Amino acid sequence: EVIEKAKVVSTFIYGHTWVLNLMKKYTNGKELLRLAIKHFATSYLTLQSIRTNKIVLKNMFSSPEFRGNDYYTKNPKGKEAMRI
C-alpha cells in the first residue's frame, strides 16, 4: 500500500511538466525517481526519496503557487496526490 501511494505521487509529479518543475524548485533540483536494475529496487529508492523529501513535497502541495493552479488542484490524480 505504501509503495502504491508513492507511485501515485511520483506518477502525478512526473506526468505533469509544470508540477515537476515546481517540485525541482522545492527540492533544489533533486529528482525523486532513480533508475535501478530491478523494478523492486526502483520502487524502494523512489519510496525512500519521497520519504526523505516528505516535508518539501508537503510544502510544495500546500504552496500558493500550487494551490492557485486549478488545473492541477481540481485534477482527480492531483487531489489524490495532495491527500497522500
N, C-alpha and C. Protein backbone atom coordinates (compact mmCIF):
# COMPACT_ATOMS: atom_id res chain seq x y z
N GLU A 1 0.83 -1.20 0.00
CA GLU A 1 0.00 0.00 0.00
C GLU A 1 0.87 1.27 0.00
N VAL A 2 1.94 1.26 0.77
CA VAL A 2 2.82 2.42 0.84
C VAL A 2 3.48 2.67 -0.51
N ILE A 3 3.93 1.60 -1.15
CA ILE A 3 4.57 1.75 -2.46
C ILE A 3 3.55 2.25 -3.48
N GLU A 4 2.31 1.79 -3.39
CA GLU A 4 1.26 2.26 -4.31
C GLU A 4 1.01 3.75 -4.12
N LYS A 5 1.00 4.22 -2.88
CA LYS A 5 0.82 5.65 -2.62
C LYS A 5 1.99 6.45 -3.18
N ALA A 6 3.20 5.93 -3.02
CA ALA A 6 4.38 6.60 -3.57
C ALA A 6 4.29 6.68 -5.09
N LYS A 7 3.76 5.61 -5.71
CA LYS A 7 3.59 5.61 -7.17
C LYS A 7 2.59 6.68 -7.60
N VAL A 8 1.52 6.85 -6.84
CA VAL A 8 0.51 7.87 -7.18
C VAL A 8 1.17 9.25 -7.18
N VAL A 9 1.92 9.54 -6.13
CA VAL A 9 2.57 10.85 -6.01
C VAL A 9 3.59 11.04 -7.12
N SER A 10 4.48 10.06 -7.31
CA SER A 10 5.52 10.22 -8.32
C SER A 10 4.95 10.24 -9.74
N THR A 11 3.93 9.44 -10.01
CA THR A 11 3.31 9.45 -11.34
C THR A 11 2.65 10.79 -11.62
N PHE A 12 1.98 11.35 -10.63
CA PHE A 12 1.36 12.66 -10.82
C PHE A 12 2.42 13.72 -11.08
N ILE A 13 3.46 13.74 -10.26
CA ILE A 13 4.50 14.76 -10.41
C ILE A 13 5.20 14.63 -11.76
N TYR A 14 5.64 13.42 -12.10
CA TYR A 14 6.40 13.23 -13.34
C TYR A 14 5.51 13.22 -14.58
N GLY A 15 4.21 13.14 -14.41
CA GLY A 15 3.30 13.18 -15.54
C GLY A 15 2.88 14.59 -15.95
N HIS A 16 3.32 15.59 -15.18
CA HIS A 16 2.94 16.98 -15.45
C HIS A 16 4.18 17.87 -15.35
N THR A 17 4.63 18.38 -16.48
CA THR A 17 5.86 19.16 -16.54
C THR A 17 5.86 20.32 -15.57
N TRP A 18 4.75 21.04 -15.48
CA TRP A 18 4.69 22.19 -14.58
C TRP A 18 4.89 21.76 -13.13
N VAL A 19 4.25 20.67 -12.72
CA VAL A 19 4.38 20.17 -11.35
C VAL A 19 5.80 19.66 -11.12
N LEU A 20 6.38 18.99 -12.11
CA LEU A 20 7.76 18.51 -12.00
C LEU A 20 8.72 19.68 -11.80
N ASN A 21 8.55 20.73 -12.58
CA ASN A 21 9.41 21.90 -12.43
C ASN A 21 9.23 22.56 -11.07
N LEU A 22 8.00 22.60 -10.58
CA LEU A 22 7.74 23.15 -9.25
C LEU A 22 8.40 22.27 -8.18
N MET A 23 8.32 20.96 -8.33
CA MET A 23 8.97 20.06 -7.38
C MET A 23 10.48 20.29 -7.37
N LYS A 24 11.07 20.44 -8.55
CA LYS A 24 12.52 20.67 -8.62
C LYS A 24 12.89 21.99 -7.95
N LYS A 25 12.01 22.97 -8.05
CA LYS A 25 12.24 24.24 -7.36
C LYS A 25 12.27 24.02 -5.84
N TYR A 26 11.34 23.23 -5.34
CA TYR A 26 11.25 22.98 -3.90
C TYR A 26 12.32 22.01 -3.40
N THR A 27 12.83 21.13 -4.27
CA THR A 27 13.86 20.17 -3.86
C THR A 27 15.26 20.59 -4.28
N ASN A 28 15.39 21.84 -4.71
CA ASN A 28 16.69 22.35 -5.20
C ASN A 28 17.25 21.49 -6.33
N GLY A 29 16.37 21.10 -7.24
CA GLY A 29 16.79 20.36 -8.43
C GLY A 29 16.91 18.86 -8.25
N LYS A 30 16.63 18.35 -7.07
CA LYS A 30 16.75 16.91 -6.83
C LYS A 30 15.59 16.17 -7.47
N GLU A 31 15.89 14.97 -7.94
CA GLU A 31 14.89 14.09 -8.54
C GLU A 31 14.34 13.14 -7.47
N LEU A 32 13.11 12.70 -7.64
CA LEU A 32 12.55 11.66 -6.76
C LEU A 32 12.85 10.28 -7.31
N LEU A 33 12.79 10.14 -8.63
CA LEU A 33 12.96 8.84 -9.26
C LEU A 33 14.42 8.58 -9.57
N ARG A 34 14.82 7.34 -9.38
CA ARG A 34 16.17 6.90 -9.70
C ARG A 34 16.05 5.61 -10.49
N LEU A 35 16.92 5.48 -11.47
CA LEU A 35 16.91 4.25 -12.26
C LEU A 35 17.60 3.13 -11.49
N ALA A 36 17.07 1.96 -11.56
CA ALA A 36 17.67 0.79 -10.92
C ALA A 36 17.46 -0.42 -11.82
N ILE A 37 18.30 -1.41 -11.65
CA ILE A 37 18.23 -2.60 -12.49
C ILE A 37 16.94 -3.38 -12.22
N LYS A 38 16.60 -3.55 -10.99
CA LYS A 38 15.40 -4.31 -10.61
C LYS A 38 14.24 -3.38 -10.32
N HIS A 39 13.05 -3.78 -10.73
CA HIS A 39 11.85 -2.97 -10.51
C HIS A 39 11.64 -2.71 -9.03
N PHE A 40 11.84 -3.74 -8.19
CA PHE A 40 11.66 -3.57 -6.75
C PHE A 40 12.61 -2.51 -6.21
N ALA A 41 13.85 -2.53 -6.69
CA ALA A 41 14.84 -1.55 -6.23
C ALA A 41 14.40 -0.14 -6.61
N THR A 42 13.85 0.02 -7.81
CA THR A 42 13.36 1.33 -8.23
C THR A 42 12.24 1.79 -7.30
N SER A 43 11.31 0.92 -6.99
CA SER A 43 10.21 1.27 -6.09
C SER A 43 10.74 1.65 -4.71
N TYR A 44 11.68 0.88 -4.20
CA TYR A 44 12.25 1.16 -2.88
C TYR A 44 12.97 2.51 -2.88
N LEU A 45 13.78 2.76 -3.91
CA LEU A 45 14.53 4.02 -3.98
C LEU A 45 13.59 5.21 -4.11
N THR A 46 12.52 5.05 -4.89
CA THR A 46 11.54 6.12 -5.03
C THR A 46 10.84 6.38 -3.71
N LEU A 47 10.44 5.32 -3.03
CA LEU A 47 9.80 5.46 -1.72
C LEU A 47 10.73 6.16 -0.73
N GLN A 48 11.99 5.76 -0.73
CA GLN A 48 12.98 6.38 0.15
C GLN A 48 13.13 7.87 -0.16
N SER A 49 13.18 8.21 -1.44
CA SER A 49 13.33 9.60 -1.85
C SER A 49 12.11 10.43 -1.46
N ILE A 50 10.92 9.88 -1.63
CA ILE A 50 9.70 10.59 -1.23
C ILE A 50 9.68 10.79 0.28
N ARG A 51 10.09 9.77 1.01
CA ARG A 51 10.14 9.88 2.47
C ARG A 51 11.14 10.96 2.90
N THR A 52 12.30 10.98 2.26
CA THR A 52 13.33 11.97 2.57
C THR A 52 12.83 13.39 2.28
N ASN A 53 12.04 13.54 1.22
CA ASN A 53 11.56 14.85 0.80
C ASN A 53 10.12 15.12 1.22
N LYS A 54 9.61 14.38 2.19
CA LYS A 54 8.21 14.47 2.60
C LYS A 54 7.80 15.90 2.95
N ILE A 55 8.56 16.57 3.77
CA ILE A 55 8.21 17.93 4.19
C ILE A 55 8.25 18.89 3.01
N VAL A 56 9.27 18.73 2.17
CA VAL A 56 9.39 19.59 0.99
C VAL A 56 8.20 19.39 0.06
N LEU A 57 7.79 18.13 -0.14
CA LEU A 57 6.64 17.85 -1.01
C LEU A 57 5.35 18.38 -0.40
N LYS A 58 5.19 18.25 0.92
CA LYS A 58 4.01 18.82 1.57
C LYS A 58 3.98 20.33 1.38
N ASN A 59 5.14 20.97 1.53
CA ASN A 59 5.22 22.42 1.32
C ASN A 59 4.85 22.78 -0.11
N MET A 60 5.31 21.99 -1.08
CA MET A 60 5.01 22.26 -2.48
C MET A 60 3.51 22.14 -2.73
N PHE A 61 2.89 21.02 -2.26
CA PHE A 61 1.46 20.81 -2.50
C PHE A 61 0.59 21.83 -1.77
N SER A 62 1.09 22.43 -0.70
CA SER A 62 0.30 23.43 0.03
C SER A 62 0.70 24.86 -0.32
N SER A 63 1.65 25.02 -1.24
CA SER A 63 2.12 26.36 -1.60
C SER A 63 1.04 27.13 -2.36
N PRO A 64 1.06 28.46 -2.23
CA PRO A 64 0.11 29.28 -3.00
C PRO A 64 0.28 29.07 -4.51
N GLU A 65 1.51 28.81 -4.92
CA GLU A 65 1.79 28.60 -6.34
C GLU A 65 1.05 27.36 -6.85
N PHE A 66 1.09 26.27 -6.09
CA PHE A 66 0.39 25.05 -6.50
C PHE A 66 -1.12 25.20 -6.30
N ARG A 67 -1.52 25.66 -5.13
CA ARG A 67 -2.95 25.80 -4.80
C ARG A 67 -3.66 26.78 -5.72
N GLY A 68 -2.91 27.71 -6.29
CA GLY A 68 -3.50 28.69 -7.19
C GLY A 68 -3.71 28.18 -8.61
N ASN A 69 -3.28 26.96 -8.88
CA ASN A 69 -3.41 26.39 -10.22
C ASN A 69 -4.55 25.38 -10.23
N ASP A 70 -5.73 25.83 -10.63
CA ASP A 70 -6.93 24.98 -10.62
C ASP A 70 -6.79 23.73 -11.49
N TYR A 71 -6.00 23.83 -12.55
CA TYR A 71 -5.85 22.67 -13.44
C TYR A 71 -5.34 21.46 -12.66
N TYR A 72 -4.38 21.68 -11.78
CA TYR A 72 -3.78 20.57 -11.03
C TYR A 72 -4.52 20.27 -9.73
N THR A 73 -5.04 21.29 -9.07
CA THR A 73 -5.71 21.05 -7.79
C THR A 73 -7.09 20.43 -7.97
N LYS A 74 -7.69 20.60 -9.13
CA LYS A 74 -9.00 20.00 -9.39
C LYS A 74 -8.90 18.68 -10.15
N ASN A 75 -7.71 18.34 -10.61
CA ASN A 75 -7.44 17.09 -11.29
C ASN A 75 -7.58 15.94 -10.28
N PRO A 76 -8.33 14.88 -10.60
CA PRO A 76 -8.51 13.78 -9.64
C PRO A 76 -7.19 13.19 -9.13
N LYS A 77 -6.23 13.03 -10.01
CA LYS A 77 -4.92 12.50 -9.59
C LYS A 77 -4.19 13.51 -8.72
N GLY A 78 -4.36 14.79 -9.02
CA GLY A 78 -3.75 15.84 -8.21
C GLY A 78 -4.34 15.85 -6.81
N LYS A 79 -5.66 15.71 -6.73
CA LYS A 79 -6.32 15.66 -5.42
C LYS A 79 -5.81 14.47 -4.61
N GLU A 80 -5.68 13.33 -5.28
CA GLU A 80 -5.21 12.12 -4.60
C GLU A 80 -3.77 12.30 -4.11
N ALA A 81 -2.92 12.87 -4.95
CA ALA A 81 -1.53 13.11 -4.56
C ALA A 81 -1.44 14.08 -3.39
N MET A 82 -2.29 15.10 -3.38
CA MET A 82 -2.28 16.07 -2.27
C MET A 82 -2.71 15.42 -0.96
N ARG A 83 -3.65 14.48 -1.03
CA ARG A 83 -4.13 13.81 0.19
C ARG A 83 -3.06 12.91 0.81
N ILE A 84 -2.23 12.34 -0.03
CA ILE A 84 -1.21 11.41 0.46
C ILE A 84 -0.11 12.21 1.12
